[in-house]
PDB file of N, CA and C in Angstrom:
ATOM      1  N   MET A   1     223.900 172.373 155.980  1.00  0.00           N
ATOM      2  CA  MET A   1     222.705 172.220 156.316  1.00  0.00           C
ATOM      3  C   MET A   1     222.679 173.176 157.457  1.00  0.00           C
ATOM      4  N   GLU A   2     221.218 173.972 157.410  1.00  0.00           N
ATOM      5  CA  GLU A   2     220.743 174.759 158.079  1.00  0.00           C
ATOM      6  C   GLU A   2     220.135 174.304 159.387  1.00  0.00           C
ATOM      7  N   TYR A   3     220.462 175.286 160.465  1.00  0.00           N
ATOM      8  CA  TYR A   3     219.780 174.326 162.074  1.00  0.00           C
ATOM      9  C   TYR A   3     219.015 175.726 162.405  1.00  0.00           C
ATOM     10  N   PHE A   4     218.210 175.226 163.550  1.00  0.00           N
ATOM     11  CA  PHE A   4     217.353 175.806 163.666  1.00  0.00           C
ATOM     12  C   PHE A   4     217.185 176.467 165.274  1.00  0.00           C
ATOM     13  N   ARG A   5     216.951 177.501 166.321  1.00  0.00           N
ATOM     14  CA  ARG A   5     216.784 177.966 167.196  1.00  0.00           C
ATOM     15  C   ARG A   5     215.921 177.155 168.194  1.00  0.00           C
ATOM     16  N   LEU A   6     216.371 177.057 169.432  1.00  0.00           N
ATOM     17  CA  LEU A   6     215.758 176.317 170.249  1.00  0.00           C
ATOM     18  C   LEU A   6     215.222 177.546 171.331  1.00  0.00           C
ATOM     19  N   LYS A   7     214.199 177.262 171.328  1.00  0.00           N
ATOM     20  CA  LYS A   7     213.201 178.474 172.308  1.00  0.00           C
ATOM     21  C   LYS A   7     212.697 178.326 173.279  1.00  0.00           C
ATOM     22  N   LYS A   8     211.837 177.440 173.041  1.00  0.00           N
ATOM     23  CA  LYS A   8     210.804 176.761 174.386  1.00  0.00           C
ATOM     24  C   LYS A   8     211.164 176.403 175.626  1.00  0.00           C
ATOM     25  N   GLN A   9     211.242 176.597 176.687  1.00  0.00           N
ATOM     26  CA  GLN A   9     211.855 176.019 177.833  1.00  0.00           C
ATOM     27  C   GLN A   9     211.743 175.142 178.103  1.00  0.00           C
ATOM     28  N   SER A  10     210.480 174.077 177.754  1.00  0.00           N
ATOM     29  CA  SER A  10     210.497 173.014 177.834  1.00  0.00           C
ATOM     30  C   SER A  10     211.579 171.992 177.183  1.00  0.00           C
ATOM     31  N   ASP A  11     212.072 172.500 175.998  1.00  0.00           N
ATOM     32  CA  ASP A  11     212.830 171.801 174.818  1.00  0.00           C
ATOM     33  C   ASP A  11     213.879 171.722 175.606  1.00  0.00           C
ATOM     34  N   PHE A  12     214.464 172.971 176.306  1.00  0.00           N
ATOM     35  CA  PHE A  12     215.631 173.295 176.846  1.00  0.00           C
ATOM     36  C   PHE A  12     216.035 171.932 177.990  1.00  0.00           C
ATOM     37  N   GLN A  13     214.675 172.306 178.944  1.00  0.00           N
ATOM     38  CA  GLN A  13     214.353 171.288 179.832  1.00  0.00           C
ATOM     39  C   GLN A  13     214.746 169.877 179.297  1.00  0.00           C
ATOM     40  N   LYS A  14     214.021 169.199 178.107  1.00  0.00           N
ATOM     41  CA  LYS A  14     214.478 168.181 177.750  1.00  0.00           C
ATOM     42  C   LYS A  14     215.454 167.863 177.601  1.00  0.00           C
ATOM     43  N   ILE A  15     216.370 168.499 177.151  1.00  0.00           N
ATOM     44  CA  ILE A  15     217.659 168.447 176.758  1.00  0.00           C
ATOM     45  C   ILE A  15     218.463 168.476 178.268  1.00  0.00           C
ATOM     46  N   PHE A  16     218.362 169.169 179.120  1.00  0.00           N
ATOM     47  CA  PHE A  16     219.197 169.114 180.334  1.00  0.00           C
ATOM     48  C   PHE A  16     218.586 167.784 180.982  1.00  0.00           C
ATOM     49  N   GLN A  17     217.506 167.265 180.969  1.00  0.00           N
ATOM     50  CA  GLN A  17     217.266 166.083 181.746  1.00  0.00           C
ATOM     51  C   GLN A  17     217.872 165.061 181.238  1.00  0.00           C
ATOM     52  N   LYS A  18     217.730 164.903 179.645  1.00  0.00           N
ATOM     53  CA  LYS A  18     217.807 163.159 178.965  1.00  0.00           C
ATOM     54  C   LYS A  18     219.352 163.524 178.124  1.00  0.00           C
ATOM     55  N   GLY A  19     219.904 164.647 177.605  1.00  0.00           N
ATOM     56  CA  GLY A  19     221.228 165.132 176.769  1.00  0.00           C
ATOM     57  C   GLY A  19     222.435 164.211 177.491  1.00  0.00           C
ATOM     58  N   LYS A  20     223.194 164.201 176.792  1.00  0.00           N
ATOM     59  CA  LYS A  20     224.483 163.648 177.198  1.00  0.00           C
ATOM     60  C   LYS A  20     225.175 164.862 177.099  1.00  0.00           C
ATOM     61  N   ARG A  21     226.556 164.977 177.901  1.00  0.00           N
ATOM     62  CA  ARG A  21     227.345 166.151 178.413  1.00  0.00           C
ATOM     63  C   ARG A  21     228.378 166.095 177.684  1.00  0.00           C
ATOM     64  N   ALA A  22     228.980 167.053 176.859  1.00  0.00           N
ATOM     65  CA  ALA A  22     230.426 167.258 176.535  1.00  0.00           C
ATOM     66  C   ALA A  22     230.819 168.380 177.192  1.00  0.00           C
ATOM     67  N   PHE A  23     232.593 168.579 177.594  1.00  0.00           N
ATOM     68  CA  PHE A  23     233.286 169.555 178.553  1.00  0.00           C
ATOM     69  C   PHE A  23     234.639 170.073 177.584  1.00  0.00           C
ATOM     70  N   SER A  24     234.314 171.245 177.213  1.00  0.00           N
ATOM     71  CA  SER A  24     235.870 171.725 176.988  1.00  0.00           C
ATOM     72  C   SER A  24     236.152 172.951 177.961  1.00  0.00           C
ATOM     73  N   PRO A  25     237.301 173.537 178.054  1.00  0.00           N
ATOM     74  CA  PRO A  25     237.909 175.040 178.544  1.00  0.00           C
ATOM     75  C   PRO A  25     236.694 175.753 178.732  1.00  0.00           C
ATOM     76  N   SER A  26     235.962 176.471 177.622  1.00  0.00           N
ATOM     77  CA  SER A  26     235.315 177.272 177.749  1.00  0.00           C
ATOM     78  C   SER A  26     234.043 177.067 177.473  1.00  0.00           C
ATOM     79  N   LEU A  27     233.500 175.461 177.334  1.00  0.00           N
ATOM     80  CA  LEU A  27     231.914 175.278 177.150  1.00  0.00           C
ATOM     81  C   LEU A  27     231.660 174.207 177.676  1.00  0.00           C
ATOM     82  N   THR A  28     230.222 173.937 177.849  1.00  0.00           N
ATOM     83  CA  THR A  28     229.594 172.813 178.263  1.00  0.00           C
ATOM     84  C   THR A  28     228.585 172.795 177.102  1.00  0.00           C
ATOM     85  N   MET A  29     228.833 171.497 176.553  1.00  0.00           N
ATOM     86  CA  MET A  29     227.639 170.989 175.672  1.00  0.00           C
ATOM     87  C   MET A  29     226.663 170.038 175.689  1.00  0.00           C
ATOM     88  N   LEU A  30     225.406 170.196 175.833  1.00  0.00           N
ATOM     89  CA  LEU A  30     224.258 168.895 176.032  1.00  0.00           C
ATOM     90  C   LEU A  30     223.385 168.632 174.500  1.00  0.00           C
ATOM     91  N   TYR A  31     223.274 167.518 174.383  1.00  0.00           N
ATOM     92  CA  TYR A  31     223.115 166.991 173.224  1.00  0.00           C
ATOM     93  C   TYR A  31     222.588 165.688 173.313  1.00  0.00           C
ATOM     94  N   MET A  32     221.258 165.804 172.308  1.00  0.00           N
ATOM     95  CA  MET A  32     221.049 164.402 172.097  1.00  0.00           C
ATOM     96  C   MET A  32     219.812 164.482 171.011  1.00  0.00           C
ATOM     97  N   PRO A  33     219.910 163.068 170.086  1.00  0.00           N
ATOM     98  CA  PRO A  33     219.025 162.972 168.892  1.00  0.00           C
ATOM     99  C   PRO A  33     218.238 163.810 168.509  1.00  0.00           C
ATOM    100  N   CYS A  34     217.501 164.263 167.298  1.00  0.00           N
ATOM    101  CA  CYS A  34     216.607 164.743 166.959  1.00  0.00           C
ATOM    102  C   CYS A  34     216.410 164.481 165.780  1.00  0.00           C
ATOM    103  N   ASP A  35     215.223 165.060 165.101  1.00  0.00           N
ATOM    104  CA  ASP A  35     214.828 164.722 163.761  1.00  0.00           C
ATOM    105  C   ASP A  35     215.410 166.164 163.053  1.00  0.00           C
ATOM    106  N   LYS A  36     215.474 167.032 163.726  1.00  0.00           N
ATOM    107  CA  LYS A  36     216.150 168.350 162.870  1.00  0.00           C
ATOM    108  C   LYS A  36     217.283 169.095 163.691  1.00  0.00           C
ATOM    109  N   MET A  37     218.086 169.709 163.520  1.00  0.00           N
ATOM    110  CA  MET A  37     219.365 170.334 163.683  1.00  0.00           C
ATOM    111  C   MET A  37     219.039 171.552 164.702  1.00  0.00           C
ATOM    112  N   VAL A  38     218.900 171.639 165.812  1.00  0.00           N
ATOM    113  CA  VAL A  38     218.565 172.778 166.967  1.00  0.00           C
ATOM    114  C   VAL A  38     219.758 173.005 167.826  1.00  0.00           C
ATOM    115  N   MET A  39     219.870 174.439 167.686  1.00  0.00           N
ATOM    116  CA  MET A  39     220.905 174.754 168.695  1.00  0.00           C
ATOM    117  C   MET A  39     220.353 175.926 169.920  1.00  0.00           C
ATOM    118  N   GLY A  40     220.420 176.195 170.934  1.00  0.00           N
ATOM    119  CA  GLY A  40     220.236 176.920 172.382  1.00  0.00           C
ATOM    120  C   GLY A  40     221.109 177.430 172.509  1.00  0.00           C
ATOM    121  N   ILE A  41     221.299 178.556 173.463  1.00  0.00           N
ATOM    122  CA  ILE A  41     222.596 178.844 174.685  1.00  0.00           C
ATOM    123  C   ILE A  41     221.741 179.112 175.450  1.00  0.00           C
ATOM    124  N   SER A  42     222.342 178.917 176.572  1.00  0.00           N
ATOM    125  CA  SER A  42     221.837 179.087 178.036  1.00  0.00           C
ATOM    126  C   SER A  42     223.051 179.606 178.640  1.00  0.00           C
ATOM    127  N   ILE A  43     222.864 181.322 178.810  1.00  0.00           N
ATOM    128  CA  ILE A  43     223.927 181.703 179.729  1.00  0.00           C
ATOM    129  C   ILE A  43     223.295 182.312 180.533  1.00  0.00           C
ATOM    130  N   GLY A  44     224.116 182.470 181.961  1.00  0.00           N
ATOM    131  CA  GLY A  44     223.449 183.374 183.177  1.00  0.00           C
ATOM    132  C   GLY A  44     224.005 184.651 183.430  1.00  0.00           C
ATOM    133  N   LYS A  45     222.987 184.818 184.599  1.00  0.00           N
ATOM    134  CA  LYS A  45     223.824 186.686 184.722  1.00  0.00           C
ATOM    135  C   LYS A  45     225.127 186.846 185.334  1.00  0.00           C
ATOM    136  N   LYS A  46     225.863 185.918 185.599  1.00  0.00           N
ATOM    137  CA  LYS A  46     227.185 186.036 186.252  1.00  0.00           C
ATOM    138  C   LYS A  46     228.171 186.069 185.094  1.00  0.00           C
ATOM    139  N   HIS A  47     228.098 186.036 184.036  1.00  0.00           N
ATOM    140  CA  HIS A  47     228.595 186.436 182.725  1.00  0.00           C
ATOM    141  C   HIS A  47     229.018 187.751 182.898  1.00  0.00           C
ATOM    142  N   GLY A  48     228.136 188.703 183.231  1.00  0.00           N
ATOM    143  CA  GLY A  48     228.222 190.203 183.187  1.00  0.00           C
ATOM    144  C   GLY A  48     226.606 190.696 182.710  1.00  0.00           C
ATOM    145  N   LYS A  49     226.715 192.180 182.398  1.00  0.00           N
ATOM    146  CA  LYS A  49     225.311 192.626 181.613  1.00  0.00           C
ATOM    147  C   LYS A  49     224.788 192.266 180.772  1.00  0.00           C
ATOM    148  N   SER A  50     224.215 192.698 179.720  1.00  0.00           N
ATOM    149  CA  SER A  50     223.267 192.101 178.673  1.00  0.00           C
ATOM    150  C   SER A  50     224.068 192.495 177.440  1.00  0.00           C
ATOM    151  N   VAL A  51     224.984 193.621 177.740  1.00  0.00           N
ATOM    152  CA  VAL A  51     226.154 193.976 176.478  1.00  0.00           C
ATOM    153  C   VAL A  51     226.988 192.819 176.160  1.00  0.00           C
ATOM    154  N   GLN A  52     227.635 192.387 177.329  1.00  0.00           N
ATOM    155  CA  GLN A  52     228.436 190.682 177.174  1.00  0.00           C
ATOM    156  C   GLN A  52     227.775 189.727 177.179  1.00  0.00           C
ATOM    157  N   ARG A  53     226.520 189.527 177.674  1.00  0.00           N
ATOM    158  CA  ARG A  53     226.329 188.477 177.573  1.00  0.00           C
ATOM    159  C   ARG A  53     225.646 187.897 175.960  1.00  0.00           C
ATOM    160  N   ASN A  54     225.454 188.976 175.215  1.00  0.00           N
ATOM    161  CA  ASN A  54     224.838 188.965 173.872  1.00  0.00           C
ATOM    162  C   ASN A  54     225.992 189.001 173.270  1.00  0.00           C
ATOM    163  N   ARG A  55     227.071 189.559 173.246  1.00  0.00           N
ATOM    164  CA  ARG A  55     228.306 189.436 172.589  1.00  0.00           C
ATOM    165  C   ARG A  55     228.828 187.940 172.551  1.00  0.00           C
ATOM    166  N   ILE A  56     228.947 187.251 173.902  1.00  0.00           N
ATOM    167  CA  ILE A  56     228.997 186.097 173.660  1.00  0.00           C
ATOM    168  C   ILE A  56     228.090 184.768 172.845  1.00  0.00           C
ATOM    169  N   LYS A  57     226.830 185.244 173.123  1.00  0.00           N
ATOM    170  CA  LYS A  57     225.709 184.368 172.629  1.00  0.00           C
ATOM    171  C   LYS A  57     226.165 184.463 170.549  1.00  0.00           C
ATOM    172  N   ARG A  58     226.484 186.002 170.509  1.00  0.00           N
ATOM    173  CA  ARG A  58     226.935 185.903 169.070  1.00  0.00           C
ATOM    174  C   ARG A  58     228.111 185.441 168.569  1.00  0.00           C
ATOM    175  N   LEU A  59     229.170 185.289 169.289  1.00  0.00           N
ATOM    176  CA  LEU A  59     230.218 184.382 169.042  1.00  0.00           C
ATOM    177  C   LEU A  59     229.943 182.797 169.119  1.00  0.00           C
ATOM    178  N   ILE A  60     229.254 182.487 170.253  1.00  0.00           N
ATOM    179  CA  ILE A  60     229.068 181.338 169.894  1.00  0.00           C
ATOM    180  C   ILE A  60     227.907 180.654 168.656  1.00  0.00           C
ATOM    181  N   ARG A  61     226.889 181.156 168.342  1.00  0.00           N
ATOM    182  CA  ARG A  61     226.350 181.437 167.292  1.00  0.00           C
ATOM    183  C   ARG A  61     227.092 180.996 165.784  1.00  0.00           C
ATOM    184  N   GLU A  62     227.826 181.967 165.813  1.00  0.00           N
ATOM    185  CA  GLU A  62     228.962 182.007 164.768  1.00  0.00           C
ATOM    186  C   GLU A  62     229.824 180.733 164.235  1.00  0.00           C
ATOM    187  N   ALA A  63     230.477 180.668 165.855  1.00  0.00           N
ATOM    188  CA  ALA A  63     231.073 179.137 165.657  1.00  0.00           C
ATOM    189  C   ALA A  63     230.339 178.106 165.638  1.00  0.00           C
ATOM    190  N   PHE A  64     228.893 178.043 165.928  1.00  0.00           N
ATOM    191  CA  PHE A  64     228.234 176.889 165.811  1.00  0.00           C
ATOM    192  C   PHE A  64     228.127 177.047 164.223  1.00  0.00           C
ATOM    193  N   ARG A  65     227.759 177.635 163.646  1.00  0.00           N
ATOM    194  CA  ARG A  65     227.401 178.020 162.366  1.00  0.00           C
ATOM    195  C   ARG A  65     228.216 177.377 161.223  1.00  0.00           C
ATOM    196  N   LEU A  66     229.771 177.708 161.427  1.00  0.00           N
ATOM    197  CA  LEU A  66     230.774 177.186 160.867  1.00  0.00           C
ATOM    198  C   LEU A  66     231.577 175.809 161.170  1.00  0.00           C
ATOM    199  N   THR A  67     230.845 175.110 162.280  1.00  0.00           N
ATOM    200  CA  THR A  67     231.475 173.848 162.869  1.00  0.00           C
ATOM    201  C   THR A  67     230.393 172.576 162.517  1.00  0.00           C
ATOM    202  N   GLN A  68     228.980 173.409 162.234  1.00  0.00           N
ATOM    203  CA  GLN A  68     228.019 172.260 161.817  1.00  0.00           C
ATOM    204  C   GLN A  68     227.922 171.439 160.983  1.00  0.00           C
ATOM    205  N   ASN A  69     229.024 171.751 159.723  1.00  0.00           N
ATOM    206  CA  ASN A  69     229.065 170.992 158.629  1.00  0.00           C
ATOM    207  C   ASN A  69     230.047 169.906 158.945  1.00  0.00           C
ATOM    208  N   GLN A  70     230.504 169.828 159.976  1.00  0.00           N
ATOM    209  CA  GLN A  70     231.522 168.821 160.985  1.00  0.00           C
ATOM    210  C   GLN A  70     230.405 167.522 161.194  1.00  0.00           C
ATOM    211  N   ILE A  71     229.536 167.722 161.803  1.00  0.00           N
ATOM    212  CA  ILE A  71     228.462 167.155 162.481  1.00  0.00           C
ATOM    213  C   ILE A  71     227.572 166.344 161.575  1.00  0.00           C
ATOM    214  N   GLN A  72     227.804 164.589 161.598  1.00  0.00           N
ATOM    215  CA  GLN A  72     226.907 164.029 160.874  1.00  0.00           C
ATOM    216  C   GLN A  72     225.488 163.436 161.741  1.00  0.00           C
ATOM    217  N   GLY A  73     224.319 163.696 161.029  1.00  0.00           N
ATOM    218  CA  GLY A  73     223.065 163.574 161.683  1.00  0.00           C
ATOM    219  C   GLY A  73     222.804 164.727 162.615  1.00  0.00           C
ATOM    220  N   THR A  74     221.369 164.390 162.937  1.00  0.00           N
ATOM    221  CA  THR A  74     220.610 165.478 163.847  1.00  0.00           C
ATOM    222  C   THR A  74     220.638 165.702 164.877  1.00  0.00           C
ATOM    223  N   TYR A  75     220.824 166.790 165.567  1.00  0.00           N
ATOM    224  CA  TYR A  75     220.960 166.396 167.033  1.00  0.00           C
ATOM    225  C   TYR A  75     220.094 167.700 167.554  1.00  0.00           C
ATOM    226  N   SER A  76     219.878 167.749 168.769  1.00  0.00           N
ATOM    227  CA  SER A  76     219.241 169.465 169.557  1.00  0.00           C
ATOM    228  C   SER A  76     220.584 169.507 170.649  1.00  0.00           C
ATOM    229  N   PHE A  77     221.439 170.688 170.656  1.00  0.00           N
ATOM    230  CA  PHE A  77     222.101 171.160 170.985  1.00  0.00           C
ATOM    231  C   PHE A  77     221.789 171.972 172.316  1.00  0.00           C
ATOM    232  N   VAL A  78     222.485 172.100 173.349  1.00  0.00           N
ATOM    233  CA  VAL A  78     222.334 173.512 174.142  1.00  0.00           C
ATOM    234  C   VAL A  78     224.316 173.627 174.430  1.00  0.00           C
ATOM    235  N   LEU A  79     224.201 174.831 174.471  1.00  0.00           N
ATOM    236  CA  LEU A  79     225.595 175.290 174.473  1.00  0.00           C
ATOM    237  C   LEU A  79     225.574 176.408 175.866  1.00  0.00           C
ATOM    238  N   ILE A  80     226.468 176.010 176.659  1.00  0.00           N
ATOM    239  CA  ILE A  80     226.501 176.990 177.835  1.00  0.00           C
ATOM    240  C   ILE A  80     227.920 177.318 178.050  1.00  0.00           C
ATOM    241  N   PRO A  81     228.549 178.554 178.112  1.00  0.00           N
ATOM    242  CA  PRO A  81     229.858 179.278 178.062  1.00  0.00           C
ATOM    243  C   PRO A  81     230.015 179.170 179.665  1.00  0.00           C
ATOM    244  N   LYS A  82     231.479 178.799 179.690  1.00  0.00           N
ATOM    245  CA  LYS A  82     231.530 178.788 181.383  1.00  0.00           C
ATOM    246  C   LYS A  82     232.856 180.279 181.391  1.00  0.00           C
ATOM    247  N   VAL A  83     232.662 180.474 182.924  1.00  0.00           N
ATOM    248  CA  VAL A  83     232.927 182.022 182.869  1.00  0.00           C
ATOM    249  C   VAL A  83     234.311 181.973 182.721  1.00  0.00           C
ATOM    250  N   ARG A  84     234.558 183.293 182.137  1.00  0.00           N
ATOM    251  CA  ARG A  84     236.426 183.550 181.853  1.00  0.00           C
ATOM    252  C   ARG A  84     236.386 185.009 181.888  1.00  0.00           C
ATOM    253  N   GLU A  85     237.523 185.103 181.800  1.00  0.00           N
ATOM    254  CA  GLU A  85     238.148 186.605 181.687  1.00  0.00           C
ATOM    255  C   GLU A  85     237.765 187.080 180.265  1.00  0.00           C
ATOM    256  N   GLU A  86     238.255 186.684 179.076  1.00  0.00           N
ATOM    257  CA  GLU A  86     237.672 186.914 177.800  1.00  0.00           C
ATOM    258  C   GLU A  86     237.427 186.189 177.228  1.00  0.00           C
ATOM    259  N   TYR A  87     236.300 186.564 176.052  1.00  0.00           N
ATOM    260  CA  TYR A  87     235.631 185.566 175.210  1.00  0.00           C
ATOM    261  C   TYR A  87     236.274 186.135 173.916  1.00  0.00           C
ATOM    262  N   THR A  88     236.863 184.434 172.998  1.00  0.00           N
ATOM    263  CA  THR A  88     237.212 185.064 171.456  1.00  0.00           C
ATOM    264  C   THR A  88     236.294 183.932 170.675  1.00  0.00           C
ATOM    265  N   PHE A  89     236.136 184.326 169.542  1.00  0.00           N
ATOM    266  CA  PHE A  89     235.562 183.199 168.432  1.00  0.00           C
ATOM    267  C   PHE A  89     236.485 182.469 168.340  1.00  0.00           C
ATOM    268  N   ASP A  90     237.824 182.462 168.284  1.00  0.00           N
ATOM    269  CA  ASP A  90     238.661 181.578 167.854  1.00  0.00           C
ATOM    270  C   ASP A  90     238.420 180.197 168.726  1.00  0.00           C
ATOM    271  N   THR A  91     238.388 180.712 170.113  1.00  0.00           N
ATOM    272  CA  THR A  91     238.357 179.397 171.245  1.00  0.00           C
ATOM    273  C   THR A  91     237.199 179.071 171.265  1.00  0.00           C
ATOM    274  N   PHE A  92     236.230 179.609 170.885  1.00  0.00           N
ATOM    275  CA  PHE A  92     234.941 178.735 170.994  1.00  0.00           C
ATOM    276  C   PHE A  92     234.854 177.740 169.991  1.00  0.00           C
ATOM    277  N   GLU A  93     235.029 178.065 168.801  1.00  0.00           N
ATOM    278  CA  GLU A  93     235.028 177.356 167.221  1.00  0.00           C
ATOM    279  C   GLU A  93     236.080 176.322 167.450  1.00  0.00           C
ATOM    280  N   LYS A  94     237.555 176.389 168.141  1.00  0.00           N
ATOM    281  CA  LYS A  94     238.236 175.408 168.553  1.00  0.00           C
ATOM    282  C   LYS A  94     237.960 174.164 169.057  1.00  0.00           C
ATOM    283  N   HIS A  95     237.276 174.745 170.333  1.00  0.00           N
ATOM    284  CA  HIS A  95     236.576 173.819 171.833  1.00  0.00           C
ATOM    285  C   HIS A  95     235.398 173.239 171.027  1.00  0.00           C
ATOM    286  N   LEU A  96     234.478 173.676 170.006  1.00  0.00           N
ATOM    287  CA  LEU A  96     233.528 173.024 169.323  1.00  0.00           C
ATOM    288  C   LEU A  96     234.099 172.250 168.810  1.00  0.00           C
ATOM    289  N   LEU A  97     234.846 172.390 167.779  1.00  0.00           N
ATOM    290  CA  LEU A  97     235.167 171.237 166.767  1.00  0.00           C
ATOM    291  C   LEU A  97     235.926 169.976 167.575  1.00  0.00           C
ATOM    292  N   SER A  98     237.089 170.354 168.901  1.00  0.00           N
ATOM    293  CA  SER A  98     236.863 169.324 169.518  1.00  0.00           C
ATOM    294  C   SER A  98     236.141 168.483 170.000  1.00  0.00           C
ATOM    295  N   MET A  99     235.052 169.160 170.916  1.00  0.00           N
ATOM    296  CA  MET A  99     234.125 168.535 170.949  1.00  0.00           C
ATOM    297  C   MET A  99     233.411 167.536 170.264  1.00  0.00           C
ATOM    298  N   ILE A 100     233.277 167.881 169.116  1.00  0.00           N
ATOM    299  CA  ILE A 100     232.554 167.247 167.750  1.00  0.00           C
ATOM    300  C   ILE A 100     233.233 166.096 167.812  1.00  0.00           C
ATOM    301  N   LYS A 101     234.680 166.021 167.340  1.00  0.00           N
ATOM    302  CA  LYS A 101     235.411 165.031 167.644  1.00  0.00           C
ATOM    303  C   LYS A 101     235.641 164.218 168.455  1.00  0.00           C
ATOM    304  N   LYS A 102     235.411 164.644 169.281  1.00  0.00           N
ATOM    305  CA  LYS A 102     235.420 163.797 171.100  1.00  0.00           C
ATOM    306  C   LYS A 102     234.504 162.936 170.920  1.00  0.00           C
ATOM    307  N   GLU A 103     233.584 163.433 170.683  1.00  0.00           N
ATOM    308  CA  GLU A 103     231.971 162.546 170.920  1.00  0.00           C
ATOM    309  C   GLU A 103     231.572 161.576 169.580  1.00  0.00           C
ATOM    310  N   LYS A 104     232.418 161.973 168.640  1.00  0.00           N
ATOM    311  CA  LYS A 104     231.790 161.318 167.330  1.00  0.00           C
ATOM    312  C   LYS A 104     230.860 161.632 166.977  1.00  0.00           C
ATOM    313  N   LEU A 105     230.388 163.057 166.693  1.00  0.00           N
ATOM    314  CA  LEU A 105     229.065 163.410 166.086  1.00  0.00           C
ATOM    315  C   LEU A 105     229.059 163.361 165.065  1.00  0.00           C
TER     316      LEU A 105
END
């Protein structure tokens, strides 16, 4: 299943206000049911300069792409990384899978 990117500020705000939250040591996931699979990433400037922020976004996008097959149904997601010393693909993928299983998505 292919997912679409969440781009509009109004769509982000809707999920921030009405969505449910799930937490892991490296990510916060907001989600709500939707008619198609949509994912967006919200990352602040406290994570570093643009090079570091873009790398984190690439890692999260790839982890989501590989784990989206575990999701039954269609949802809108906003993924928010937590500030850490080091970001790795393996931790994002592991924490995404654990949140999906925990929330029974």
